Protein backbone atom coordinates (compact mmCIF):
# COMPACT_ATOMS: atom_id res chain seq x y z
CA MET A 1 10.29 6.33 30.98
CA VAL A 2 9.42 6.84 27.17
CA ASN A 3 6.36 3.98 25.89
CA PRO A 4 7.84 2.90 22.65
CA VAL A 5 4.13 2.36 21.96
CA HIS A 6 3.81 6.24 21.79
CA LEU A 7 6.70 6.32 19.58
CA ARG A 8 5.59 4.43 16.84
CA THR A 9 2.13 6.56 16.86
CA LEU A 10 4.61 9.75 16.54
CA LEU A 11 6.11 8.29 13.70
CA GLU A 12 2.87 7.27 11.88
CA VAL A 13 1.45 11.10 12.71
CA ILE A 14 4.66 12.24 11.01
CA ARG A 15 4.36 9.83 8.04
CA HIS A 16 0.76 10.57 7.52
CA GLY A 17 -0.01 13.99 8.31
CA SER A 18 -2.23 13.95 10.88
CA PHE A 19 -4.28 12.14 13.87
CA ALA A 20 -6.65 10.60 11.82
CA SER A 21 -4.70 9.22 9.07
CA ALA A 22 -2.24 7.79 11.63
CA ALA A 23 -5.07 6.37 13.71
CA THR A 24 -6.92 4.74 10.53
CA ARG A 25 -3.04 3.14 9.98
CA LEU A 26 -3.02 1.79 13.55
CA GLY A 27 -6.39 0.64 14.03
CA TYR A 28 -7.06 3.23 17.03
CA THR A 29 -9.47 6.31 17.36
CA ALA A 30 -8.25 9.93 16.21
CA SER A 31 -9.00 10.67 20.10
CA ALA A 32 -6.74 7.92 21.32
CA VAL A 33 -3.69 8.98 19.24
CA SER A 34 -3.73 12.41 20.74
CA GLN A 35 -4.15 11.06 24.00
CA GLN A 36 -0.81 9.19 23.39
CA MET A 37 0.70 12.29 21.99
CA SER A 38 -0.17 14.25 25.22
CA ALA A 39 1.12 11.36 27.25
CA LEU A 40 4.69 11.40 25.12
CA GLU A 41 4.81 15.33 25.93
CA ARG A 42 4.53 14.94 29.53
CA ASP A 43 6.97 11.68 29.81
CA THR A 44 9.58 14.30 27.48
CA GLY A 45 8.75 17.60 28.91
CA VAL A 46 8.52 18.90 25.21
CA THR A 47 5.75 20.36 23.22
CA LEU A 48 5.31 18.17 20.01
CA PHE A 49 2.55 19.40 18.34
CA THR A 50 1.04 23.03 17.83
CA ARG A 51 -2.64 22.58 18.32
CA SER A 52 -5.87 24.40 16.96
CA ALA A 53 -9.29 23.68 16.99
CA ARG A 54 -9.04 21.87 13.18
CA SER A 55 -5.29 20.70 13.34
CA ALA A 56 -1.92 19.39 15.00
CA VAL A 57 1.15 20.89 13.38
CA PRO A 58 4.18 18.92 14.52
CA THR A 59 7.13 20.78 16.00
CA GLU A 60 10.56 20.82 14.79
CA ALA A 61 11.15 18.89 18.01
CA ALA A 62 8.39 16.13 17.25
CA VAL A 63 10.27 16.11 13.75
CA VAL A 64 13.79 15.38 15.50
CA MET A 65 12.26 12.91 17.90
CA ALA A 66 10.78 11.00 14.99
CA ARG A 67 13.85 10.76 13.17
CA HIS A 68 15.35 9.42 16.62
CA ALA A 69 12.53 7.21 17.07
CA THR A 70 13.02 5.49 13.70
CA LYS A 71 16.33 4.16 15.07
CA VAL A 72 15.38 3.35 18.73
CA LEU A 73 12.49 1.32 17.64
CA THR A 74 14.57 -0.69 14.77
CA ASP A 75 16.85 -1.33 17.62
CA ILE A 76 14.18 -2.63 19.82
CA ASP A 77 12.38 -4.77 17.44
CA THR A 78 15.81 -6.06 16.44
CA LEU A 79 16.63 -6.92 20.12
CA MET A 80 13.29 -9.00 20.26
CA ALA A 81 13.64 -10.75 17.38
CA SER A 82 17.02 -11.74 17.91
CA THR A 83 16.51 -12.75 21.48
CA ALA A 84 13.37 -14.82 20.29
CA LYS A 85 15.76 -16.66 17.46
CA ALA A 86 18.38 -17.06 20.06
CA GLY A 87 15.67 -18.76 22.45
CA ALA A 88 13.99 -20.95 19.52
CA ALA A 89 15.39 -23.99 17.89
CA VAL A 90 14.03 -23.18 14.62
CA THR A 91 14.72 -20.03 12.30
CA GLN A 92 12.07 -17.31 12.82
CA GLU A 93 9.89 -17.46 9.64
CA LEU A 94 7.45 -15.17 8.09
CA ARG A 95 5.00 -16.38 5.68
CA LEU A 96 3.90 -13.90 3.70
CA GLY A 97 1.38 -13.47 0.80
CA ILE A 98 1.62 -10.92 -1.68
CA PHE A 99 0.08 -9.67 -5.21
CA PRO A 100 2.72 -9.62 -7.94
CA SER A 101 3.08 -5.96 -9.03
CA LEU A 102 3.89 -5.31 -5.13
CA ALA A 103 6.23 -8.07 -4.95
CA THR A 104 7.92 -6.88 -8.00
CA PHE A 105 8.39 -3.41 -6.55
CA ALA A 106 8.65 -3.86 -2.82
CA LEU A 107 10.28 -7.08 -1.79
CA PRO A 108 14.13 -6.71 -3.77
CA ARG A 109 14.15 -2.92 -2.29
CA LEU A 110 13.14 -4.62 1.39
CA VAL A 111 15.44 -7.46 1.41
CA ARG A 112 18.54 -5.86 0.46
CA THR A 113 18.43 -3.43 2.90
CA PRO A 114 21.12 -3.82 5.85
CA GLN A 115 18.18 -3.04 8.27
CA TRP A 116 16.57 -6.06 6.96
CA LYS A 117 19.14 -8.51 6.85
CA GLN A 118 20.43 -7.74 10.62
CA LEU A 119 16.83 -9.08 11.38
CA GLY A 120 17.83 -12.55 10.61
CA ILE A 121 13.99 -13.42 9.42
CA ASN A 122 13.27 -16.23 7.23
CA LEU A 123 10.94 -14.61 4.62
CA LYS A 124 8.67 -17.37 2.72
CA VAL A 125 6.71 -15.79 -0.34
CA PHE A 126 3.33 -16.79 -1.78
CA VAL A 127 3.02 -14.42 -4.85
CA GLY A 128 -0.56 -14.57 -5.98
CA GLU A 129 -3.75 -12.78 -6.37
CA PRO A 130 -5.90 -11.50 -3.38
CA SER A 131 -8.25 -14.27 -3.44
CA GLN A 132 -5.56 -16.89 -3.18
CA THR A 133 -3.74 -15.28 -0.34
CA ILE A 134 -6.53 -14.63 1.37
CA HIS A 135 -7.57 -18.36 1.11
CA GLY A 136 -4.27 -19.04 2.84
CA LEU A 137 -5.47 -16.94 5.96
CA ARG A 138 -8.32 -18.93 6.03
CA ASN A 139 -6.85 -22.46 6.08
CA GLY A 140 -5.73 -22.44 9.40
CA GLY A 141 -2.55 -20.35 9.62
CA GLU A 142 -0.58 -21.25 5.91
CA LEU A 143 0.24 -17.31 6.07
CA ASP A 144 1.11 -15.07 8.64
CA LEU A 145 0.44 -11.93 6.53
CA ALA A 146 -1.26 -11.34 3.20
CA LEU A 147 -0.76 -8.18 1.32
CA VAL A 148 -3.87 -7.79 -0.80
CA PHE A 149 -5.70 -4.90 -3.03
CA GLN A 150 -9.27 -4.09 -3.30
CA VAL A 151 -10.55 -1.87 -6.24
CA GLY A 152 -13.79 -0.42 -5.21
CA GLN A 153 -16.03 -1.70 -2.26
CA GLY A 154 -16.64 -5.16 -3.45
CA GLY A 155 -15.56 -8.34 -4.81
CA LEU A 156 -13.22 -8.96 -2.05
CA ALA A 157 -14.42 -10.71 1.35
CA TRP A 158 -12.59 -12.06 4.43
CA PRO A 159 -13.43 -13.91 7.40
CA SER A 160 -14.40 -12.08 10.61
CA SER A 161 -11.19 -13.52 12.38
CA VAL A 162 -8.77 -11.58 9.95
CA SER A 163 -7.91 -7.93 10.78
CA ARG A 164 -7.59 -5.02 8.28
CA GLN A 165 -4.58 -2.46 7.89
CA TRP A 166 -4.72 -0.06 5.48
CA ILE A 167 -1.37 0.62 3.71
CA GLY A 168 -2.22 2.97 0.84
CA ASP A 169 -3.93 3.92 -2.40
CA ASP A 170 -1.93 2.65 -5.85
CA ASN A 171 -3.29 4.87 -8.36
CA PHE A 172 -4.18 4.02 -11.85
CA ARG A 173 -3.09 5.73 -15.09
CA VAL A 174 -4.46 5.57 -18.93
CA VAL A 175 -1.47 4.40 -20.84
CA LEU A 176 -1.34 5.07 -24.70
CA PRO A 177 0.88 4.02 -27.41
CA ALA A 178 3.33 6.68 -28.29
CA ALA A 179 3.16 5.64 -31.57
CA TRP A 180 -0.55 7.17 -31.54
CA GLY A 181 1.47 10.72 -31.44
CA ILE A 182 -0.07 12.23 -27.69
CA ALA A 183 2.79 13.65 -25.60
CA GLU A 184 3.61 12.05 -22.16
CA GLY A 185 1.37 13.85 -19.36
CA SER A 186 -0.94 15.20 -21.52
CA ALA A 187 -4.22 16.22 -20.22
CA VAL A 188 -7.04 14.85 -22.16
CA SER A 189 -10.72 14.54 -21.76
CA ALA A 190 -12.45 10.95 -21.69
CA GLY A 191 -14.34 12.16 -25.10
CA GLN A 192 -10.84 12.44 -27.07
CA LEU A 193 -10.42 8.48 -26.08
CA ALA A 194 -13.85 7.39 -26.95
CA ASP A 195 -13.03 5.94 -30.44
CA MET A 196 -9.73 4.55 -29.47
CA PRO A 197 -9.12 0.67 -28.95
CA TRP A 198 -9.01 -0.39 -25.38
CA ILE A 199 -7.04 -3.16 -23.63
CA MET A 200 -9.62 -4.11 -20.75
CA HIS A 201 -10.02 -6.29 -17.61
CA HIS A 202 -11.97 -9.94 -18.49
CA PRO A 203 -15.84 -9.39 -18.23
CA GLY A 204 -17.22 -10.26 -15.22
CA THR A 205 -14.58 -9.95 -12.49
CA SER A 206 -15.29 -7.24 -9.89
CA ASP A 207 -12.13 -4.88 -11.23
CA ALA A 208 -13.75 -5.21 -14.58
CA THR A 209 -17.42 -4.12 -13.23
CA VAL A 210 -15.88 -1.32 -11.42
CA ILE A 211 -13.76 0.11 -14.32
CA GLU A 212 -16.97 -0.57 -16.81
CA ARG A 213 -18.98 1.75 -14.24
CA LEU A 214 -16.54 4.01 -14.31
CA PHE A 215 -16.37 4.33 -17.99
CA ALA A 216 -20.04 4.47 -18.26
CA SER A 217 -20.30 7.48 -16.02
CA CYS A 218 -18.16 9.41 -18.52
CA ASN A 219 -20.00 8.24 -21.58
CA LEU A 220 -16.79 6.31 -22.51
CA HIS A 221 -18.40 2.85 -24.15
CA PRO A 222 -14.61 1.65 -25.55
CA HIS A 223 -13.84 -0.46 -28.60
CA ILE A 224 -12.18 -3.57 -27.10
CA ALA A 225 -9.04 -4.70 -28.82
CA ALA A 226 -8.26 -7.34 -26.20
CA TYR A 227 -9.55 -8.51 -22.77
CA CYS A 228 -6.35 -9.15 -20.35
CA ASP A 229 -5.75 -9.92 -16.70
CA ASP A 230 -2.13 -9.54 -16.68
CA PHE A 231 -0.93 -5.64 -16.19
CA ASN A 232 2.61 -6.82 -17.84
CA ALA A 233 0.85 -8.41 -20.87
CA SER A 234 -1.50 -5.33 -21.34
CA LEU A 235 1.40 -2.82 -20.98
CA ALA A 236 3.15 -4.88 -23.57
CA MET A 237 0.26 -4.74 -26.10
CA ALA A 238 0.01 -0.88 -25.43
CA ALA A 239 3.64 -0.46 -26.51
CA ALA A 240 3.04 -2.50 -29.47
CA GLY A 241 0.23 -0.28 -30.47
CA MET A 242 -2.88 -2.53 -29.60
CA GLY A 243 -4.54 -0.24 -27.69
CA ALA A 244 -5.10 2.08 -24.53
CA ALA A 245 -5.08 0.57 -20.84
CA LEU A 246 -5.69 1.37 -17.61
CA VAL A 247 -2.69 0.14 -15.51
CA PRO A 248 -1.91 0.91 -11.75
CA GLU A 249 1.25 2.83 -10.84
CA LEU A 250 3.04 -0.34 -9.26
CA ALA A 251 2.67 -2.42 -12.67
CA MET A 252 4.43 0.59 -14.60
CA LEU A 253 7.68 -0.08 -12.44
CA ARG A 254 8.80 -1.87 -15.32
CA ALA A 255 6.98 -0.49 -18.26
CA PRO A 256 8.48 -1.11 -21.51
CA GLU A 257 9.23 2.04 -24.04
CA GLY A 258 6.60 3.02 -26.28
CA ILE A 259 3.75 4.11 -24.19
CA VAL A 260 2.90 7.05 -22.51
CA ALA A 261 0.81 7.98 -19.78
CA LEU A 262 -1.93 10.66 -19.74
CA ASP A 263 -3.64 12.99 -17.35
CA VAL A 264 -7.61 12.27 -17.76
CA PRO A 265 -9.46 14.18 -15.04
CA GLU A 266 -12.76 12.01 -15.40
CA ILE A 267 -10.96 8.91 -15.05
CA ARG A 268 -9.77 8.98 -11.56
CA LEU A 269 -8.94 5.56 -9.93
CA ALA A 270 -7.03 3.72 -7.20
CA ARG A 271 -6.97 0.37 -5.42
CA SER A 272 -6.62 0.37 -2.18
CA ILE A 273 -3.95 -1.87 -0.92
CA PHE A 274 -4.30 -3.94 3.05
CA ALA A 275 -2.40 -5.96 4.92
CA LEU A 276 -4.51 -8.78 6.07
CA GLN A 277 -3.60 -11.48 9.36
CA ILE A 278 -5.67 -13.17 11.56
CA ALA A 279 -6.85 -11.12 14.47
CA GLY A 280 -4.93 -11.00 18.00
CA LYS A 281 -2.19 -13.03 16.50
CA GLN A 282 0.38 -10.77 15.49
CA THR A 283 4.15 -11.74 15.74
CA THR A 284 7.30 -9.49 16.13
CA GLN A 285 8.10 -11.00 12.67
CA VAL A 286 5.08 -9.48 11.36
CA ARG A 287 5.38 -6.14 13.06
CA LEU A 288 9.32 -5.89 11.96
CA PHE A 289 8.52 -6.78 8.42
CA MET A 290 5.47 -3.85 8.06
CA ASP A 291 7.91 -1.23 9.31
CA GLN A 292 10.46 -2.18 6.96
CA LEU A 293 7.64 -2.24 4.29
CA ALA A 294 6.56 1.43 5.24
CA ASP A 295 10.28 2.73 4.72
CA VAL A 296 10.07 1.43 1.28
CA LEU A 297 6.79 2.61 0.14
CA LYS A 298 7.06 6.34 1.86
CA ASP A 299 8.65 8.15 -0.73
CA ARG A 300 7.46 5.81 -3.76
CA ARG A 301 4.06 5.12 -5.76
CA ILE A 302 1.71 4.22 -3.01
CA ALA A 303 -0.29 7.41 -1.97
CA PRO A 304 -1.66 7.50 1.56
CA ARG A 305 -5.09 9.83 1.85
CA THR A 306 -5.21 12.91 3.85
CA SER A 307 -8.73 11.76 4.92
CA SER A 308 -9.30 8.90 7.28
CA ARG A 309 -10.47 5.61 5.82
CA PRO A 310 -13.04 3.11 7.46
CA ALA A 311 -11.02 0.37 9.47
């Protein structure tokens, strides 16, 4: 018998490229992931990884198994959700808190998939900033799941009763008005941007503090044209020629015409995206949603790191 838990772990190893990265996502140790993969090899009689002292490379058999495991696990989850729904008097509901740019990018793609429609889950969505959705988890279960972001290591806190799962990093891009005459994708130095007007976060927020420190480390002390915490508004102002802006890639999904994104090696910043829920209370609906979300994000703008992250 093949353990479905081991199949889920295999998928994460293939998806993220290493035992350490899969362990970070799943909340295991790298050693536990390795043990699960060894058990899966014993159960199937197939060599899934070519191991060396520093790496474990998936074999073609592992890739094929992962491809089929996706359907098998979806069928199992659908079975569990359908059974729960048939035995319950009320509709199975998932109460989701999510920040605006991720909601704009991911939810339309997710809810339109045949796989999601087959699950029969009633999705109740609360779109808000991380501080708002974390508050929903704190207040005795107003939300089942909160998808939040964090820039740097501070500014966002949650109670010890909440468990955290890292999803990926959303990289920031430097955008300029196209009318300024710099070509899309051009590599420029921070010094070349020093005399340009900028659209910045409102001072005093944790995100603004991180960005200010990053700019200071580049000896970049920008002239402020506008303060704005709404990325859509920042993009619109940049397109209108008001100034440069630092905007995460998810927010650029609907970027207006009239802007260009640059490569500025000194300005490297990302916001980490996490899934939060009350520890020990993961439901079938949450697990199904997270599986579907991973499929939506895997080939898109969210960038998993190859190195492990703290749990």
